[in-house]
Amino acid sequence: MQHTIEYAQCTDDMRSTKTIEAKATGAFNRQFELIFVGAGYEPAGSAMRYVKQCYRVASYDPAFNHRSSIAFSNRADAVQHFKKHTTPITEITA
């Protein structure tokens, strides 16, 4: 299997699938998503790159129109990261 291919070589059944498992709002109105990513090819500039199955925690900052994400190999770590950023702060101790 090649790590990168041209768009024309990539059929629909070769593409990575993405399923949003959870959405929540974090601090400063930043939107977060917990996403399951199936193995396959996804766009990367002018070509398609192969990605392994993983979980991503994506964040969207509406004030700056900025998106970023971090990938995890297992769901437990992804959920922990997602909750860290989306669980409301109820107490601050000195």
PDB file of N, CA and C in Angstrom:
ATOM      1  N   MET A   1       0.840  -1.183   0.000  1.00  0.00           N
ATOM      2  CA  MET A   1       0.000   0.000   0.000  1.00  0.00           C
ATOM      3  C   MET A   1       0.887   1.249   0.000  1.00  0.00           C
ATOM      4  N   GLN A   2       0.558   2.178  -0.856  1.00  0.00           N
ATOM      5  CA  GLN A   2       1.302   3.425  -0.936  1.00  0.00           C
ATOM      6  C   GLN A   2       0.824   4.381   0.144  1.00  0.00           C
ATOM      7  N   HIS A   3       1.736   5.212   0.640  1.00  0.00           N
ATOM      8  CA  HIS A   3       1.364   6.195   1.656  1.00  0.00           C
ATOM      9  C   HIS A   3       0.658   7.395   1.046  1.00  0.00           C
ATOM     10  N   THR A   4       1.002   7.750  -0.194  1.00  0.00           N
ATOM     11  CA  THR A   4       0.309   8.840  -0.881  1.00  0.00           C
ATOM     12  C   THR A   4      -0.048   8.392  -2.299  1.00  0.00           C
ATOM     13  N   ILE A   5      -1.183   8.884  -2.781  1.00  0.00           N
ATOM     14  CA  ILE A   5      -1.622   8.620  -4.147  1.00  0.00           C
ATOM     15  C   ILE A   5      -2.238   9.898  -4.699  1.00  0.00           C
ATOM     16  N   GLU A   6      -2.460   9.931  -5.992  1.00  0.00           N
ATOM     17  CA  GLU A   6      -3.115  11.072  -6.626  1.00  0.00           C
ATOM     18  C   GLU A   6      -4.628  10.977  -6.419  1.00  0.00           C
ATOM     19  N   TYR A   7      -5.299  12.120  -6.447  1.00  0.00           N
ATOM     20  CA  TYR A   7      -6.755  12.147  -6.266  1.00  0.00           C
ATOM     21  C   TYR A   7      -7.457  11.194  -7.231  1.00  0.00           C
ATOM     22  N   ALA A   8      -7.037  11.168  -8.487  1.00  0.00           N
ATOM     23  CA  ALA A   8      -7.705  10.359  -9.504  1.00  0.00           C
ATOM     24  C   ALA A   8      -7.582   8.864  -9.218  1.00  0.00           C
ATOM     25  N   GLN A   9      -6.588   8.451  -8.464  1.00  0.00           N
ATOM     26  CA  GLN A   9      -6.394   7.040  -8.139  1.00  0.00           C
ATOM     27  C   GLN A   9      -7.257   6.583  -6.964  1.00  0.00           C
ATOM     28  N   CYS A  10      -7.820   7.510  -6.226  1.00  0.00           N
ATOM     29  CA  CYS A  10      -8.538   7.195  -4.991  1.00  0.00           C
ATOM     30  C   CYS A  10     -10.030   7.020  -5.264  1.00  0.00           C
ATOM     31  N   THR A  11     -10.512   5.801  -5.106  1.00  0.00           N
ATOM     32  CA  THR A  11     -11.941   5.537  -5.259  1.00  0.00           C
ATOM     33  C   THR A  11     -12.631   5.735  -3.905  1.00  0.00           C
ATOM     34  N   ASP A  12     -13.948   5.848  -3.925  1.00  0.00           N
ATOM     35  CA  ASP A  12     -14.697   6.112  -2.697  1.00  0.00           C
ATOM     36  C   ASP A  12     -14.455   5.061  -1.622  1.00  0.00           C
ATOM     37  N   ASP A  13     -14.313   3.803  -2.007  1.00  0.00           N
ATOM     38  CA  ASP A  13     -14.117   2.749  -1.006  1.00  0.00           C
ATOM     39  C   ASP A  13     -12.714   2.768  -0.388  1.00  0.00           C
ATOM     40  N   MET A  14     -11.812   3.578  -0.931  1.00  0.00           N
ATOM     41  CA  MET A  14     -10.452   3.707  -0.391  1.00  0.00           C
ATOM     42  C   MET A  14     -10.338   4.873   0.594  1.00  0.00           C
ATOM     43  N   ARG A  15     -11.363   5.716   0.657  1.00  0.00           N
ATOM     44  CA  ARG A  15     -11.305   6.922   1.492  1.00  0.00           C
ATOM     45  C   ARG A  15     -11.523   6.611   2.968  1.00  0.00           C
ATOM     46  N   SER A  16     -10.899   7.412   3.805  1.00  0.00           N
ATOM     47  CA  SER A  16     -11.096   7.345   5.244  1.00  0.00           C
ATOM     48  C   SER A  16     -12.511   7.799   5.574  1.00  0.00           C
ATOM     49  N   THR A  17     -13.113   7.172   6.574  1.00  0.00           N
ATOM     50  CA  THR A  17     -14.442   7.581   7.017  1.00  0.00           C
ATOM     51  C   THR A  17     -14.312   8.304   8.348  1.00  0.00           C
ATOM     52  N   LYS A  18     -15.191   9.250   8.584  1.00  0.00           N
ATOM     53  CA  LYS A  18     -15.163  10.009   9.832  1.00  0.00           C
ATOM     54  C   LYS A  18     -16.563  10.011  10.439  1.00  0.00           C
ATOM     55  N   THR A  19     -16.629   9.696  11.737  1.00  0.00           N
ATOM     56  CA  THR A  19     -17.889   9.683  12.464  1.00  0.00           C
ATOM     57  C   THR A  19     -17.745  10.554  13.706  1.00  0.00           C
ATOM     58  N   ILE A  20     -18.567  11.587  13.806  1.00  0.00           N
ATOM     59  CA  ILE A  20     -18.537  12.455  14.983  1.00  0.00           C
ATOM     60  C   ILE A  20     -19.288  11.743  16.104  1.00  0.00           C
ATOM     61  N   GLU A  21     -18.567  11.443  17.190  1.00  0.00           N
ATOM     62  CA  GLU A  21     -19.165  10.734  18.324  1.00  0.00           C
ATOM     63  C   GLU A  21     -19.720  11.682  19.379  1.00  0.00           C
ATOM     64  N   ALA A  22     -19.129  12.862  19.508  1.00  0.00           N
ATOM     65  CA  ALA A  22     -19.604  13.825  20.513  1.00  0.00           C
ATOM     66  C   ALA A  22     -19.208  15.228  20.095  1.00  0.00           C
ATOM     67  N   LYS A  23     -20.039  16.201  20.517  1.00  0.00           N
ATOM     68  CA  LYS A  23     -19.760  17.625  20.315  1.00  0.00           C
ATOM     69  C   LYS A  23     -19.994  18.333  21.634  1.00  0.00           C
ATOM     70  N   ALA A  24     -19.177  19.346  21.922  1.00  0.00           N
ATOM     71  CA  ALA A  24     -19.357  20.133  23.138  1.00  0.00           C
ATOM     72  C   ALA A  24     -18.671  21.479  22.969  1.00  0.00           C
ATOM     73  N   THR A  25     -19.051  22.427  23.820  1.00  0.00           N
ATOM     74  CA  THR A  25     -18.454  23.755  23.817  1.00  0.00           C
ATOM     75  C   THR A  25     -17.514  23.873  24.997  1.00  0.00           C
ATOM     76  N   GLY A  26     -16.306  24.361  24.740  1.00  0.00           N
ATOM     77  CA  GLY A  26     -15.315  24.574  25.787  1.00  0.00           C
ATOM     78  C   GLY A  26     -15.213  26.043  26.135  1.00  0.00           C
ATOM     79  N   ALA A  27     -14.120  26.389  26.790  1.00  0.00           N
ATOM     80  CA  ALA A  27     -13.892  27.782  27.196  1.00  0.00           C
ATOM     81  C   ALA A  27     -13.828  28.700  25.981  1.00  0.00           C
ATOM     82  N   PHE A  28     -14.245  29.945  26.174  1.00  0.00           N
ATOM     83  CA  PHE A  28     -14.211  30.983  25.144  1.00  0.00           C
ATOM     84  C   PHE A  28     -14.999  30.600  23.898  1.00  0.00           C
ATOM     85  N   ASN A  29     -16.048  29.812  24.098  1.00  0.00           N
ATOM     86  CA  ASN A  29     -16.950  29.410  23.016  1.00  0.00           C
ATOM     87  C   ASN A  29     -16.281  28.531  21.960  1.00  0.00           C
ATOM     88  N   ARG A  30     -15.168  27.911  22.280  1.00  0.00           N
ATOM     89  CA  ARG A  30     -14.478  27.022  21.343  1.00  0.00           C
ATOM     90  C   ARG A  30     -15.256  25.713  21.239  1.00  0.00           C
ATOM     91  N   GLN A  31     -15.504  25.282  20.019  1.00  0.00           N
ATOM     92  CA  GLN A  31     -16.265  24.067  19.758  1.00  0.00           C
ATOM     93  C   GLN A  31     -15.318  22.866  19.649  1.00  0.00           C
ATOM     94  N   PHE A  32     -15.698  21.744  20.278  1.00  0.00           N
ATOM     95  CA  PHE A  32     -14.895  20.522  20.248  1.00  0.00           C
ATOM     96  C   PHE A  32     -15.716  19.371  19.697  1.00  0.00           C
ATOM     97  N   GLU A  33     -15.033  18.467  18.987  1.00  0.00           N
ATOM     98  CA  GLU A  33     -15.653  17.255  18.475  1.00  0.00           C
ATOM     99  C   GLU A  33     -14.741  16.067  18.768  1.00  0.00           C
ATOM    100  N   LEU A  34     -15.348  14.964  19.167  1.00  0.00           N
ATOM    101  CA  LEU A  34     -14.647  13.681  19.301  1.00  0.00           C
ATOM    102  C   LEU A  34     -15.017  12.898  18.052  1.00  0.00           C
ATOM    103  N   ILE A  35     -14.009  12.541  17.258  1.00  0.00           N
ATOM    104  CA  ILE A  35     -14.245  11.962  15.933  1.00  0.00           C
ATOM    105  C   ILE A  35     -13.542  10.608  15.816  1.00  0.00           C
ATOM    106  N   PHE A  36     -14.280   9.589  15.354  1.00  0.00           N
ATOM    107  CA  PHE A  36     -13.656   8.314  15.001  1.00  0.00           C
ATOM    108  C   PHE A  36     -13.254   8.400  13.537  1.00  0.00           C
ATOM    109  N   VAL A  37     -12.008   8.052  13.225  1.00  0.00           N
ATOM    110  CA  VAL A  37     -11.486   8.094  11.864  1.00  0.00           C
ATOM    111  C   VAL A  37     -11.128   6.682  11.436  1.00  0.00           C
ATOM    112  N   GLY A  38     -11.804   6.194  10.398  1.00  0.00           N
ATOM    113  CA  GLY A  38     -11.498   4.872   9.868  1.00  0.00           C
ATOM    114  C   GLY A  38     -10.278   4.929   8.962  1.00  0.00           C
ATOM    115  N   ALA A  39      -9.567   3.827   8.870  1.00  0.00           N
ATOM    116  CA  ALA A  39      -8.371   3.767   8.028  1.00  0.00           C
ATOM    117  C   ALA A  39      -8.732   4.025   6.566  1.00  0.00           C
ATOM    118  N   GLY A  40      -7.844   4.732   5.865  1.00  0.00           N
ATOM    119  CA  GLY A  40      -8.062   5.015   4.455  1.00  0.00           C
ATOM    120  C   GLY A  40      -7.332   6.281   4.037  1.00  0.00           C
ATOM    121  N   TYR A  41      -7.626   6.752   2.841  1.00  0.00           N
ATOM    122  CA  TYR A  41      -6.961   7.937   2.294  1.00  0.00           C
ATOM    123  C   TYR A  41      -7.791   9.188   2.566  1.00  0.00           C
ATOM    124  N   GLU A  42      -7.087  10.291   2.858  1.00  0.00           N
ATOM    125  CA  GLU A  42      -7.747  11.583   3.031  1.00  0.00           C
ATOM    126  C   GLU A  42      -6.924  12.653   2.331  1.00  0.00           C
ATOM    127  N   PRO A  43      -7.560  13.788   1.952  1.00  0.00           N
ATOM    128  CA  PRO A  43      -6.844  14.846   1.239  1.00  0.00           C
ATOM    129  C   PRO A  43      -5.678  15.401   2.054  1.00  0.00           C
ATOM    130  N   ALA A  44      -4.582  15.659   1.336  1.00  0.00           N
ATOM    131  CA  ALA A  44      -3.388  16.262   1.945  1.00  0.00           C
ATOM    132  C   ALA A  44      -2.718  17.112   0.872  1.00  0.00           C
ATOM    133  N   GLY A  45      -3.141  18.343   0.767  1.00  0.00           N
ATOM    134  CA  GLY A  45      -2.569  19.209  -0.270  1.00  0.00           C
ATOM    135  C   GLY A  45      -3.016  18.753  -1.647  1.00  0.00           C
ATOM    136  N   SER A  46      -2.060  18.462  -2.514  1.00  0.00           N
ATOM    137  CA  SER A  46      -2.375  18.088  -3.891  1.00  0.00           C
ATOM    138  C   SER A  46      -2.477  16.580  -4.091  1.00  0.00           C
ATOM    139  N   ALA A  47      -2.441  15.794  -3.015  1.00  0.00           N
ATOM    140  CA  ALA A  47      -2.512  14.339  -3.120  1.00  0.00           C
ATOM    141  C   ALA A  47      -3.403  13.793  -2.006  1.00  0.00           C
ATOM    142  N   MET A  48      -3.467  12.486  -1.920  1.00  0.00           N
ATOM    143  CA  MET A  48      -4.208  11.793  -0.864  1.00  0.00           C
ATOM    144  C   MET A  48      -3.194  11.017  -0.032  1.00  0.00           C
ATOM    145  N   ARG A  49      -3.304  11.091   1.299  1.00  0.00           N
ATOM    146  CA  ARG A  49      -2.378  10.346   2.156  1.00  0.00           C
ATOM    147  C   ARG A  49      -3.152   9.284   2.920  1.00  0.00           C
ATOM    148  N   TYR A  50      -2.476   8.183   3.206  1.00  0.00           N
ATOM    149  CA  TYR A  50      -3.100   7.091   3.945  1.00  0.00           C
ATOM    150  C   TYR A  50      -2.996   7.373   5.437  1.00  0.00           C
ATOM    151  N   VAL A  51      -4.102   7.214   6.168  1.00  0.00           N
ATOM    152  CA  VAL A  51      -4.104   7.370   7.623  1.00  0.00           C
ATOM    153  C   VAL A  51      -4.614   6.083   8.256  1.00  0.00           C
ATOM    154  N   LYS A  52      -4.038   5.730   9.391  1.00  0.00           N
ATOM    155  CA  LYS A  52      -4.487   4.572  10.149  1.00  0.00           C
ATOM    156  C   LYS A  52      -5.735   4.939  10.936  1.00  0.00           C
ATOM    157  N   GLN A  53      -6.461   3.936  11.372  1.00  0.00           N
ATOM    158  CA  GLN A  53      -7.628   4.162  12.223  1.00  0.00           C
ATOM    159  C   GLN A  53      -7.191   4.872  13.495  1.00  0.00           C
ATOM    160  N   CYS A  54      -7.959   5.892  13.909  1.00  0.00           N
ATOM    161  CA  CYS A  54      -7.624   6.633  15.123  1.00  0.00           C
ATOM    162  C   CYS A  54      -8.856   7.384  15.612  1.00  0.00           C
ATOM    163  N   TYR A  55      -8.680   8.073  16.708  1.00  0.00           N
ATOM    164  CA  TYR A  55      -9.686   8.994  17.237  1.00  0.00           C
ATOM    165  C   TYR A  55      -9.058  10.374  17.246  1.00  0.00           C
ATOM    166  N   ARG A  56      -9.830  11.376  16.859  1.00  0.00           N
ATOM    167  CA  ARG A  56      -9.332  12.754  16.864  1.00  0.00           C
ATOM    168  C   ARG A  56     -10.209  13.610  17.756  1.00  0.00           C
ATOM    169  N   VAL A  57      -9.557  14.546  18.419  1.00  0.00           N
ATOM    170  CA  VAL A  57     -10.285  15.585  19.129  1.00  0.00           C
ATOM    171  C   VAL A  57      -9.992  16.866  18.356  1.00  0.00           C
ATOM    172  N   ALA A  58     -11.030  17.392  17.726  1.00  0.00           N
ATOM    173  CA  ALA A  58     -10.883  18.592  16.904  1.00  0.00           C
ATOM    174  C   ALA A  58     -11.476  19.780  17.641  1.00  0.00           C
ATOM    175  N   SER A  59     -10.829  20.945  17.498  1.00  0.00           N
ATOM    176  CA  SER A  59     -11.364  22.165  18.100  1.00  0.00           C
ATOM    177  C   SER A  59     -11.475  23.236  17.031  1.00  0.00           C
ATOM    178  N   TYR A  60     -12.513  24.065  17.197  1.00  0.00           N
ATOM    179  CA  TYR A  60     -12.798  25.154  16.270  1.00  0.00           C
ATOM    180  C   TYR A  60     -12.905  26.435  17.074  1.00  0.00           C
ATOM    181  N   ASP A  61     -12.129  27.432  16.713  1.00  0.00           N
ATOM    182  CA  ASP A  61     -12.169  28.717  17.401  1.00  0.00           C
ATOM    183  C   ASP A  61     -12.910  29.706  16.509  1.00  0.00           C
ATOM    184  N   PRO A  62     -14.174  30.013  16.821  1.00  0.00           N
ATOM    185  CA  PRO A  62     -14.943  30.904  15.952  1.00  0.00           C
ATOM    186  C   PRO A  62     -14.405  32.330  15.901  1.00  0.00           C
ATOM    187  N   ALA A  63     -13.716  32.773  16.939  1.00  0.00           N
ATOM    188  CA  ALA A  63     -13.189  34.144  16.948  1.00  0.00           C
ATOM    189  C   ALA A  63     -12.097  34.334  15.896  1.00  0.00           C
ATOM    190  N   PHE A  64     -11.317  33.297  15.653  1.00  0.00           N
ATOM    191  CA  PHE A  64     -10.207  33.398  14.697  1.00  0.00           C
ATOM    192  C   PHE A  64     -10.396  32.506  13.478  1.00  0.00           C
ATOM    193  N   ASN A  65     -11.557  31.831  13.396  1.00  0.00           N
ATOM    194  CA  ASN A  65     -11.836  30.922  12.289  1.00  0.00           C
ATOM    195  C   ASN A  65     -10.693  29.925  12.119  1.00  0.00           C
ATOM    196  N   HIS A  66     -10.327  29.273  13.220  1.00  0.00           N
ATOM    197  CA  HIS A  66      -9.177  28.378  13.252  1.00  0.00           C
ATOM    198  C   HIS A  66      -9.615  26.980  13.678  1.00  0.00           C
ATOM    199  N   ARG A  67      -9.087  25.949  12.997  1.00  0.00           N
ATOM    200  CA  ARG A  67      -9.375  24.557  13.320  1.00  0.00           C
ATOM    201  C   ARG A  67      -8.062  23.835  13.592  1.00  0.00           C
ATOM    202  N   SER A  68      -8.064  22.990  14.602  1.00  0.00           N
ATOM    203  CA  SER A  68      -6.908  22.133  14.862  1.00  0.00           C
ATOM    204  C   SER A  68      -7.412  20.818  15.437  1.00  0.00           C
ATOM    205  N   SER A  69      -6.565  19.787  15.385  1.00  0.00           N
ATOM    206  CA  SER A  69      -6.962  18.510  15.958  1.00  0.00           C
ATOM    207  C   SER A  69      -5.733  17.745  16.409  1.00  0.00           C
ATOM    208  N   ILE A  70      -5.974  16.773  17.277  1.00  0.00           N
ATOM    209  CA  ILE A  70      -4.924  15.891  17.753  1.00  0.00           C
ATOM    210  C   ILE A  70      -5.466  14.471  17.639  1.00  0.00           C
ATOM    211  N   ALA A  71      -4.609  13.549  17.191  1.00  0.00           N
ATOM    212  CA  ALA A  71      -5.022  12.156  16.979  1.00  0.00           C
ATOM    213  C   ALA A  71      -4.540  11.269  18.119  1.00  0.00           C
ATOM    214  N   PHE A  72      -5.360  10.284  18.445  1.00  0.00           N
ATOM    215  CA  PHE A  72      -5.049   9.313  19.491  1.00  0.00           C
ATOM    216  C   PHE A  72      -5.254   7.913  18.932  1.00  0.00           C
ATOM    217  N   SER A  73      -4.409   6.981  19.356  1.00  0.00           N
ATOM    218  CA  SER A  73      -4.537   5.614  18.867  1.00  0.00           C
ATOM    219  C   SER A  73      -5.641   4.846  19.583  1.00  0.00           C
ATOM    220  N   ASN A  74      -6.035   5.304  20.776  1.00  0.00           N
ATOM    221  CA  ASN A  74      -7.128   4.605  21.466  1.00  0.00           C
ATOM    222  C   ASN A  74      -8.187   5.600  21.937  1.00  0.00           C
ATOM    223  N   ARG A  75      -9.395   5.083  22.084  1.00  0.00           N
ATOM    224  CA  ARG A  75     -10.546   5.928  22.405  1.00  0.00           C
ATOM    225  C   ARG A  75     -10.458   6.523  23.808  1.00  0.00           C
ATOM    226  N   ALA A  76      -9.964   5.759  24.779  1.00  0.00           N
ATOM    227  CA  ALA A  76      -9.916   6.234  26.165  1.00  0.00           C
ATOM    228  C   ALA A  76      -9.096   7.513  26.292  1.00  0.00           C
ATOM    229  N   ASP A  77      -7.946   7.564  25.638  1.00  0.00           N
ATOM    230  CA  ASP A  77      -7.117   8.772  25.688  1.00  0.00           C
ATOM    231  C   ASP A  77      -7.809   9.948  25.005  1.00  0.00           C
ATOM    232  N   ALA A  78      -8.499   9.669  23.905  1.00  0.00           N
ATOM    233  CA  ALA A  78      -9.211  10.735  23.185  1.00  0.00           C
ATOM    234  C   ALA A  78     -10.352  11.290  24.031  1.00  0.00           C
ATOM    235  N   VAL A  79     -11.101  10.416  24.676  1.00  0.00           N
ATOM    236  CA  VAL A  79     -12.214  10.860  25.526  1.00  0.00           C
ATOM    237  C   VAL A  79     -11.691  11.686  26.688  1.00  0.00           C
ATOM    238  N   GLN A  80     -10.594  11.258  27.301  1.00  0.00           N
ATOM    239  CA  GLN A  80      -9.996  12.005  28.418  1.00  0.00           C
ATOM    240  C   GLN A  80      -9.604  13.415  27.971  1.00  0.00           C
ATOM    241  N   HIS A  81      -8.979  13.535  26.799  1.00  0.00           N
ATOM    242  CA  HIS A  81      -8.583  14.845  26.271  1.00  0.00           C
ATOM    243  C   HIS A  81      -9.820  15.693  25.959  1.00  0.00           C
ATOM    244  N   PHE A  82     -10.837  15.080  25.364  1.00  0.00           N
ATOM    245  CA  PHE A  82     -12.084  15.779  25.034  1.00  0.00           C
ATOM    246  C   PHE A  82     -12.730  16.334  26.303  1.00  0.00           C
ATOM    247  N   LYS A  83     -12.844  15.494  27.326  1.00  0.00           N
ATOM    248  CA  LYS A  83     -13.478  15.928  28.581  1.00  0.00           C
ATOM    249  C   LYS A  83     -12.656  16.999  29.293  1.00  0.00           C
ATOM    250  N   LYS A  84     -11.337  16.925  29.181  1.00  0.00           N
ATOM    251  CA  LYS A  84     -10.473  17.924  29.818  1.00  0.00           C
ATOM    252  C   LYS A  84     -10.796  19.325  29.314  1.00  0.00           C
ATOM    253  N   HIS A  85     -11.160  19.430  28.049  1.00  0.00           N
ATOM    254  CA  HIS A  85     -11.421  20.740  27.443  1.00  0.00           C
ATOM    255  C   HIS A  85     -12.893  21.135  27.430  1.00  0.00           C
ATOM    256  N   THR A  86     -13.789  20.200  27.726  1.00  0.00           N
ATOM    257  CA  THR A  86     -15.217  20.524  27.614  1.00  0.00           C
ATOM    258  C   THR A  86     -15.996  20.410  28.924  1.00  0.00           C
ATOM    259  N   THR A  87     -15.359  19.912  29.973  1.00  0.00           N
ATOM    260  CA  THR A  87     -16.032  19.827  31.272  1.00  0.00           C
ATOM    261  C   THR A  87     -15.989  21.216  31.919  1.00  0.00           C
ATOM    262  N   PRO A  88     -17.141  21.750  32.307  1.00  0.00           N
ATOM    263  CA  PRO A  88     -17.157  23.098  32.915  1.00  0.00           C
ATOM    264  C   PRO A  88     -16.320  23.154  34.206  1.00  0.00           C
ATOM    265  N   ILE A  89     -15.663  24.276  34.405  1.00  0.00           N
ATOM    266  CA  ILE A  89     -14.902  24.506  35.635  1.00  0.00           C
ATOM    267  C   ILE A  89     -15.915  24.889  36.720  1.00  0.00           C
ATOM    268  N   THR A  90     -15.915  24.127  37.797  1.00  0.00           N
ATOM    269  CA  THR A  90     -16.858  24.407  38.877  1.00  0.00           C
ATOM    270  C   THR A  90     -16.179  24.954  40.113  1.00  0.00           C
ATOM    271  N   GLU A  91     -14.836  24.811  40.168  1.00  0.00           N
ATOM    272  CA  GLU A  91     -14.118  25.276  41.347  1.00  0.00           C
ATOM    273  C   GLU A  91     -12.666  25.550  40.986  1.00  0.00           C
ATOM    274  N   ILE A  92     -12.125  26.611  41.541  1.00  0.00           N
ATOM    275  CA  ILE A  92     -10.701  26.912  41.369  1.00  0.00           C
ATOM    276  C   ILE A  92     -10.096  26.984  42.777  1.00  0.00           C
ATOM    277  N   THR A  93      -9.121  26.112  42.992  1.00  0.00           N
ATOM    278  CA  THR A  93      -8.463  26.107  44.301  1.00  0.00           C
ATOM    279  C   THR A  93      -7.103  26.779  44.186  1.00  0.00           C
ATOM    280  N   ALA A  94      -6.717  27.469  45.248  1.00  0.00           N
ATOM    281  CA  ALA A  94      -5.447  28.206  45.246  1.00  0.00           C
ATOM    282  C   ALA A  94      -4.282  27.303  45.589  1.00  0.00           C
TER     283      ALA A  94
END
